[in-house]
Each structure stands twice: as C-alpha cells, then as structure tokens.
C-alpha cells in the first residue's frame, strides 16, 4: 500500500464508495449474479444458495455437511436449511454411516446431476459473456490477480484480532438509541 496518496484516487487509495474494490466486486456480482439468480429461481426452482450447494457437490462429490458449508462459503445453519430444501426437491440425498446417524454424507441424486448438467452451461456462458470485455491475456492476468487477492484476504482473515460480527437480526446495538 502506498505511504501517501497517488495523484488520482481510485482502487489503491479509495476516497469514495465507488473506489472500494469490494464494493465494485459486489456491484459486478449483483449485475451478473442477478442473471444467474433469475435462471435458478425462474427456470429451475432453486435459490442461489441451493445452486452453490449443488455446484459444490457436483465439483467435489459426496461430502459431509460441515465440509460442504466450508467449501460453499456458507454458515452451517444456512447450509443445513438449503440441504433440507434440496432433499425435499429430491436433488440431494442424505446417507448416514451404519450405526452412526451423526455422520451424514450428502450427494447429488440423479435429478440433482441432471439439473446441474443443464444449469452449469448457462452459468458458464454468463461468465464467458462478462469476460468477453477483456482480451485473452487480460483474462489470464485477472485469474492470477484474483488468486493472489484471495490468498491475501485469507491471510488477513486468519490473523484474527477483529471483533466478532453480530449476526443477530437487526445487527449491533452499538449505534442504536438507548432508552
């Protein structure tokens, strides 16, 4: 990070919301991800979270719920709720180890495999269409940069020392008016 601001603000020295990397990535996700959500919900009857779980199981194969939550970057309660919905839609199966109901293995059903096989090419095309704004060498560079940014963010998150997020409905009471 520069020790003094560059001549022009921007990503390296943000001065306004539109200069923030995470905000810009969020806007990109909202625009392109919105198309994916419309396919998921409108055509396939699943949520974005359910799609993420289906795609994770398709990519990694059968796994436990905790492992799935970690791979899909979801918290365990939301993963459990989505898995229950997917099982109800007959897209995911739950199998317990003989004599041990605590260890559940999750896998795609044939219907889940079929849905993934139909939806993944659509999502992949959306990604290709967004990346069409870049030259092939820029796509390769972006891929490398995103990997390095992810590694840096993971290292920062692992350092700890930050306050825990308040995930209660309504958020923190820090700035609420007190009686």
Foldseek 3Di string as FASTA:
>chain_A
DDPDDDPDQACVHDDDQRRDPVSVVVVVCCVLVVVLQCCCCVPPNAGPLLLLLLVQCVVPNKDWQVVSCVVSVHDSVVSVVSLVVCVVVVQKDWDDDVPDNVTIIIHGDPVSVVVCVVSVVVSVVSVVVVCVVDDPVVVVVVVVVVVVVVVVVVVVVVVDPDDDWQPPVVGDCPPPDDD
